[in-house]
C-alpha atoms as a PDB file:
ATOM      1  CA  MET A   1      63.341  76.088 -81.143  1.00  0.00           C
ATOM      2  CA  PHE A   2      62.569  73.563 -83.713  1.00  0.00           C
ATOM      3  CA  MET A   3      60.902  71.275 -81.278  1.00  0.00           C
ATOM      4  CA  ALA A   4      58.459  73.984 -80.342  1.00  0.00           C
ATOM      5  CA  MET A   5      57.690  74.930 -83.985  1.00  0.00           C
ATOM      6  CA  ASP A   6      57.240  71.224 -84.900  1.00  0.00           C
ATOM      7  CA  LEU A   7      54.846  70.860 -82.051  1.00  0.00           C
ATOM      8  CA  LEU A   8      52.999  73.903 -82.860  1.00  0.00           C
ATOM      9  CA  SER A   9      52.647  72.883 -86.474  1.00  0.00           C
ATOM     10  CA  VAL A  10      51.157  69.513 -85.233  1.00  0.00           C
ATOM     11  CA  PHE A  11      48.544  71.600 -83.449  1.00  0.00           C
ATOM     12  CA  GLU A  12      47.915  73.804 -86.583  1.00  0.00           C
ATOM     13  CA  ILE A  13      47.546  70.784 -88.623  1.00  0.00           C
ATOM     14  CA  GLY A  14      45.014  69.397 -86.264  1.00  0.00           C
ATOM     15  CA  LYS A  15      42.986  72.431 -86.197  1.00  0.00           C
ATOM     16  CA  THR A  16      42.399  71.816 -90.038  1.00  0.00           C
ATOM     17  CA  PHE A  17      40.287  68.689 -89.391  1.00  0.00           C
ATOM     18  CA  SER A  18      36.788  69.512 -89.511  1.00  0.00           C
ATOM     19  CA  PHE A  19      35.945  67.556 -86.201  1.00  0.00           C
ATOM     20  CA  PHE A  20      38.689  69.349 -84.251  1.00  0.00           C
ATOM     21  CA  GLU A  21      36.549  72.347 -83.539  1.00  0.00           C
ATOM     22  CA  GLN A  22      33.774  70.310 -82.453  1.00  0.00           C
ATOM     23  CA  LEU A  23      35.674  68.835 -79.571  1.00  0.00           C
ATOM     24  CA  ASP A  24      35.710  70.097 -76.041  1.00  0.00           C
ATOM     25  CA  ILE A  25      38.905  72.094 -74.980  1.00  0.00           C
ATOM     26  CA  ASN A  26      39.811  69.020 -72.375  1.00  0.00           C
ATOM     27  CA  ASP A  27      39.415  66.653 -75.553  1.00  0.00           C
ATOM     28  CA  LYS A  28      41.434  68.882 -77.736  1.00  0.00           C
ATOM     29  CA  ILE A  29      44.125  68.811 -75.145  1.00  0.00           C
ATOM     30  CA  ALA A  30      44.111  65.117 -74.807  1.00  0.00           C
ATOM     31  CA  LEU A  31      44.174  64.544 -78.549  1.00  0.00           C
ATOM     32  CA  CYS A  32      47.038  66.793 -78.843  1.00  0.00           C
ATOM     33  CA  SER A  33      48.909  65.386 -75.788  1.00  0.00           C
ATOM     34  CA  ASN A  34      48.556  62.126 -77.260  1.00  0.00           C
ATOM     35  CA  ILE A  35      49.735  62.814 -80.872  1.00  0.00           C
ATOM     36  CA  ALA A  36      52.159  65.565 -80.272  1.00  0.00           C
ATOM     37  CA  MET A  37      55.373  63.845 -79.634  1.00  0.00           C
ATOM     38  CA  PRO A  38      54.711  60.757 -82.084  1.00  0.00           C
ATOM     39  CA  LEU A  39      54.347  63.367 -84.739  1.00  0.00           C
ATOM     40  CA  TYR A  40      57.440  65.212 -83.663  1.00  0.00           C
ATOM     41  CA  VAL A  41      59.492  61.967 -83.974  1.00  0.00           C
ATOM     42  CA  LEU A  42      57.899  61.520 -87.333  1.00  0.00           C
ATOM     43  CA  CYS A  43      58.794  65.021 -88.498  1.00  0.00           C
ATOM     44  CA  ASN A  44      62.401  65.012 -87.385  1.00  0.00           C
ATOM     45  CA  GLY A  45      62.748  61.412 -88.661  1.00  0.00           C
ATOM     46  CA  PHE A  46      61.668  62.546 -91.989  1.00  0.00           C
ATOM     47  CA  TYR A  47      63.770  65.864 -91.869  1.00  0.00           C
ATOM     48  CA  SER A  48      66.945  63.762 -90.885  1.00  0.00           C
ATOM     49  CA  VAL A  49      66.150  60.937 -93.957  1.00  0.00           C
ATOM     50  CA  GLN A  50      65.769  63.998 -96.395  1.00  0.00           C
ATOM     51  CA  GLN A  51      69.099  65.329 -95.398  1.00  0.00           C
ATOM     52  CA  ASN A  52      70.673  61.876 -95.583  1.00  0.00           C
ATOM     53  CA  CYS A  53      71.660  62.013 -91.751  1.00  0.00           C
ATOM     54  CA  ASP A  54      71.849  59.075 -89.634  1.00  0.00           C
ATOM     55  CA  VAL A  55      70.846  61.042 -86.326  1.00  0.00           C
ATOM     56  CA  PHE A  56      67.865  63.081 -85.527  1.00  0.00           C
ATOM     57  CA  CYS A  57      68.541  66.819 -87.093  1.00  0.00           C
ATOM     58  CA  THR A  58      66.332  69.991 -87.660  1.00  0.00           C
ATOM     59  CA  PRO A  59      65.513  71.183 -91.028  1.00  0.00           C
ATOM     60  CA  ASN A  60      68.499  73.302 -91.003  1.00  0.00           C
ATOM     61  CA  GLY A  61      70.814  70.748 -90.026  1.00  0.00           C
ATOM     62  CA  LEU A  62      71.371  71.410 -86.539  1.00  0.00           C
ATOM     63  CA  MET A  63      71.750  67.817 -84.687  1.00  0.00           C
ATOM     64  CA  PRO A  64      70.397  67.720 -81.255  1.00  0.00           C
ATOM     65  CA  ILE A  65      72.740  65.227 -80.139  1.00  0.00           C
ATOM     66  CA  TYR A  66      75.219  67.600 -79.903  1.00  0.00           C
ATOM     67  CA  PHE A  67      73.745  69.487 -77.024  1.00  0.00           C
ATOM     68  CA  PHE A  68      74.309  66.391 -74.994  1.00  0.00           C
ATOM     69  CA  ALA A  69      77.777  66.487 -75.536  1.00  0.00           C
ATOM     70  CA  ASN A  70      78.424  69.382 -73.390  1.00  0.00           C
ATOM     71  CA  SER A  71      79.787  69.276 -69.912  1.00  0.00           C
ATOM     72  CA  TYR A  72      76.439  69.867 -68.187  1.00  0.00           C
ATOM     73  CA  PHE A  73      74.811  67.006 -69.869  1.00  0.00           C
ATOM     74  CA  ASN A  74      77.582  64.760 -70.270  1.00  0.00           C
ATOM     75  CA  GLN A  75      78.072  64.161 -66.548  1.00  0.00           C
ATOM     76  CA  ASP A  76      74.592  62.868 -66.278  1.00  0.00           C
ATOM     77  CA  SER A  77      74.645  59.170 -67.471  1.00  0.00           C
ATOM     78  CA  VAL A  78      70.749  58.904 -67.780  1.00  0.00           C
ATOM     79  CA  ALA A  79      70.474  62.140 -69.967  1.00  0.00           C
ATOM     80  CA  MET A  80      73.086  60.819 -72.043  1.00  0.00           C
ATOM     81  CA  GLY A  81      71.732  57.274 -72.189  1.00  0.00           C
ATOM     82  CA  MET A  82      68.334  58.679 -73.129  1.00  0.00           C
ATOM     83  CA  GLY A  83      69.810  61.274 -75.665  1.00  0.00           C
ATOM     84  CA  ASP A  84      71.631  58.493 -77.422  1.00  0.00           C
ATOM     85  CA  LYS A  85      68.725  56.378 -77.533  1.00  0.00           C
ATOM     86  CA  LEU A  86      66.323  58.917 -78.687  1.00  0.00           C
ATOM     87  CA  LEU A  87      68.414  60.915 -81.247  1.00  0.00           C
ATOM     88  CA  CYS A  88      70.907  58.501 -82.494  1.00  0.00           C
ATOM     89  CA  LYS A  89      69.340  54.734 -82.140  1.00  0.00           C
ATOM     90  CA  ALA A  90      65.639  56.009 -82.780  1.00  0.00           C
ATOM     91  CA  MET A  91      66.878  56.890 -86.442  1.00  0.00           C
ATOM     92  CA  GLU A  92      67.406  53.247 -87.668  1.00  0.00           C
ATOM     93  CA  PRO A  93      63.779  52.619 -88.700  1.00  0.00           C
ATOM     94  CA  PHE A  94      63.854  55.897 -90.723  1.00  0.00           C
ATOM     95  CA  VAL A  95      66.971  55.126 -92.298  1.00  0.00           C
ATOM     96  CA  ARG A  96      66.010  51.659 -93.202  1.00  0.00           C
ATOM     97  CA  LEU A  97      62.703  52.682 -94.676  1.00  0.00           C
ATOM     98  CA  LYS A  98      64.217  55.971 -96.273  1.00  0.00           C
ATOM     99  CA  LEU A  99      60.898  58.041 -96.438  1.00  0.00           C
ATOM    100  CA  SER A 100      60.344  60.182 -99.263  1.00  0.00           C
ATOM    101  CA  THR A 101      57.461  62.504-100.547  1.00  0.00           C
ATOM    102  CA  GLU A 102      56.504  60.610-103.427  1.00  0.00           C
ATOM    103  CA  GLU A 103      55.943  56.938-101.623  1.00  0.00           C
ATOM    104  CA  PHE A 104      53.057  55.238-103.669  1.00  0.00           C
ATOM    105  CA  ILE A 105      53.823  57.125-106.967  1.00  0.00           C
ATOM    106  CA  ASN A 106      56.974  55.596-107.398  1.00  0.00           C
ATOM    107  CA  TYR A 107      56.177  52.009-106.138  1.00  0.00           C
ATOM    108  CA  GLY A 108      52.995  51.125-107.895  1.00  0.00           C
ATOM    109  CA  PRO A 109      50.449  48.699-106.777  1.00  0.00           C
ATOM    110  CA  PRO A 110      51.958  45.682-105.299  1.00  0.00           C
ATOM    111  CA  ALA A 111      55.208  47.206-104.033  1.00  0.00           C
ATOM    112  CA  GLY A 112      53.161  50.205-102.825  1.00  0.00           C
ATOM    113  CA  ALA A 113      50.991  47.941-100.930  1.00  0.00           C
ATOM    114  CA  LEU A 114      54.155  46.370 -99.332  1.00  0.00           C
ATOM    115  CA  ARG A 115      55.711  49.662 -98.486  1.00  0.00           C
ATOM    116  CA  TYR A 116      52.250  50.764 -96.924  1.00  0.00           C
ATOM    117  CA  VAL A 117      52.648  47.713 -94.662  1.00  0.00           C
ATOM    118  CA  GLU A 118      56.414  48.622 -93.837  1.00  0.00           C
ATOM    119  CA  LEU A 119      55.228  52.140 -93.146  1.00  0.00           C
ATOM    120  CA  MET A 120      52.156  51.089 -90.846  1.00  0.00           C
ATOM    121  CA  GLY A 121      54.894  49.284 -88.704  1.00  0.00           C
ATOM    122  CA  LEU A 122      56.521  52.898 -88.146  1.00  0.00           C
ATOM    123  CA  ILE A 123      53.531  53.888 -86.065  1.00  0.00           C
ATOM    124  CA  GLU A 124      54.291  51.505 -83.148  1.00  0.00           C
ATOM    125  CA  CYS A 125      57.742  53.002 -83.283  1.00  0.00           C
ATOM    126  CA  LEU A 126      56.574  56.587 -83.424  1.00  0.00           C
ATOM    127  CA  PHE A 127      54.429  56.218 -80.352  1.00  0.00           C
ATOM    128  CA  ASN A 128      57.246  54.238 -78.370  1.00  0.00           C
ATOM    129  CA  LYS A 129      59.737  56.863 -79.218  1.00  0.00           C
ATOM    130  CA  GLY A 130      57.178  59.837 -78.671  1.00  0.00           C
ATOM    131  CA  ALA A 131      56.917  58.434 -75.087  1.00  0.00           C
ATOM    132  CA  GLN A 132      60.541  58.276 -74.887  1.00  0.00           C
ATOM    133  CA  HIS A 133      60.939  61.821 -75.869  1.00  0.00           C
ATOM    134  CA  ARG A 134      58.126  62.603 -73.172  1.00  0.00           C
ATOM    135  CA  GLN A 135      60.346  60.999 -70.629  1.00  0.00           C
ATOM    136  CA  LEU A 136      63.490  62.900 -71.541  1.00  0.00           C
ATOM    137  CA  ILE A 137      61.676  66.167 -71.466  1.00  0.00           C
ATOM    138  CA  THR A 138      60.022  65.280 -68.208  1.00  0.00           C
ATOM    139  CA  TYR A 139      63.528  64.290 -66.854  1.00  0.00           C
ATOM    140  CA  VAL A 140      65.286  67.539 -68.417  1.00  0.00           C
ATOM    141  CA  SER A 141      62.562  69.812 -66.971  1.00  0.00           C
ATOM    142  CA  ASN A 142      62.665  68.247 -63.485  1.00  0.00           C
ATOM    143  CA  VAL A 143      66.156  67.263 -62.833  1.00  0.00           C
ATOM    144  CA  LEU A 144      68.727  68.826 -64.942  1.00  0.00           C
ATOM    145  CA  CYS A 145      67.247  72.394 -65.727  1.00  0.00           C
ATOM    146  CA  LYS A 146      65.028  73.926 -63.251  1.00  0.00           C
ATOM    147  CA  ASP A 147      64.475  77.021 -65.552  1.00  0.00           C
ATOM    148  CA  PHE A 148      63.038  74.742 -68.272  1.00  0.00           C
ATOM    149  CA  ASP A 149      59.994  76.837 -68.296  1.00  0.00           C
ATOM    150  CA  ARG A 150      62.054  79.882 -69.382  1.00  0.00           C
ATOM    151  CA  VAL A 151      63.738  78.392 -72.573  1.00  0.00           C
ATOM    152  CA  PHE A 152      60.786  76.321 -73.715  1.00  0.00           C
ATOM    153  CA  PRO A 153      57.006  77.306 -73.901  1.00  0.00           C
ATOM    154  CA  PRO A 154      55.379  76.338 -70.505  1.00  0.00           C
ATOM    155  CA  VAL A 155      52.119  74.993 -72.383  1.00  0.00           C
ATOM    156  CA  LEU A 156      54.028  73.149 -74.763  1.00  0.00           C
ATOM    157  CA  ALA A 157      56.053  71.618 -71.774  1.00  0.00           C
ATOM    158  CA  LYS A 158      52.785  70.534 -70.171  1.00  0.00           C
ATOM    159  CA  ILE A 159      51.357  68.955 -73.398  1.00  0.00           C
ATOM    160  CA  CYS A 160      54.618  67.227 -74.003  1.00  0.00           C
ATOM    161  CA  THR A 161      54.964  65.814 -70.476  1.00  0.00           C
ATOM    162  CA  ARG A 162      51.190  65.097 -70.190  1.00  0.00           C
ATOM    163  CA  ASP A 163      51.266  67.216 -67.098  1.00  0.00           C
ATOM    164  CA  THR A 164      47.703  68.319 -65.949  1.00  0.00           C
ATOM    165  CA  MET A 165      46.126  71.061 -67.607  1.00  0.00           C
ATOM    166  CA  GLN A 166      42.406  71.375 -67.704  1.00  0.00           C
ATOM    167  CA  PHE A 167      40.273  74.078 -68.990  1.00  0.00           C
ATOM    168  CA  ILE A 168      36.621  74.600 -67.892  1.00  0.00           C
ATOM    169  CA  LYS A 169      34.098  76.533 -70.174  1.00  0.00           C
END
């Protein structure tokens, strides 16, 4: 549920940019498809650090890694490996950087610039982990859970997996 809410938030934030409404619908879809998963990773990394958690967790403290502990998923070594990589190991850069809401105010000019460089290094990690989350969603929806579209909004699933979705005006 939080994944869908985070993804919807990404789209709503995107709509606040003045250029967004000037884009063709297909360009809007392409833009959202490219940034949705990295921003999802950023949101969850931030939530988790704010809650002093070393695995990904939602704002209410739910830890998605526990979904992989049930008998349905733990029989599948691919899903378990992906889950561990994305929900546990992916937190390492966030824990190391200790993101906060008052980054540059606390650091000042020289330290703030260094902090900026550290955070810029996080961008590559976000896109890599976003791509890995996309792979996990694709794997779960196509291999493990044939009824995935009943528990996750189909439009969001298509955007997350970069499935073909074209609109013509």
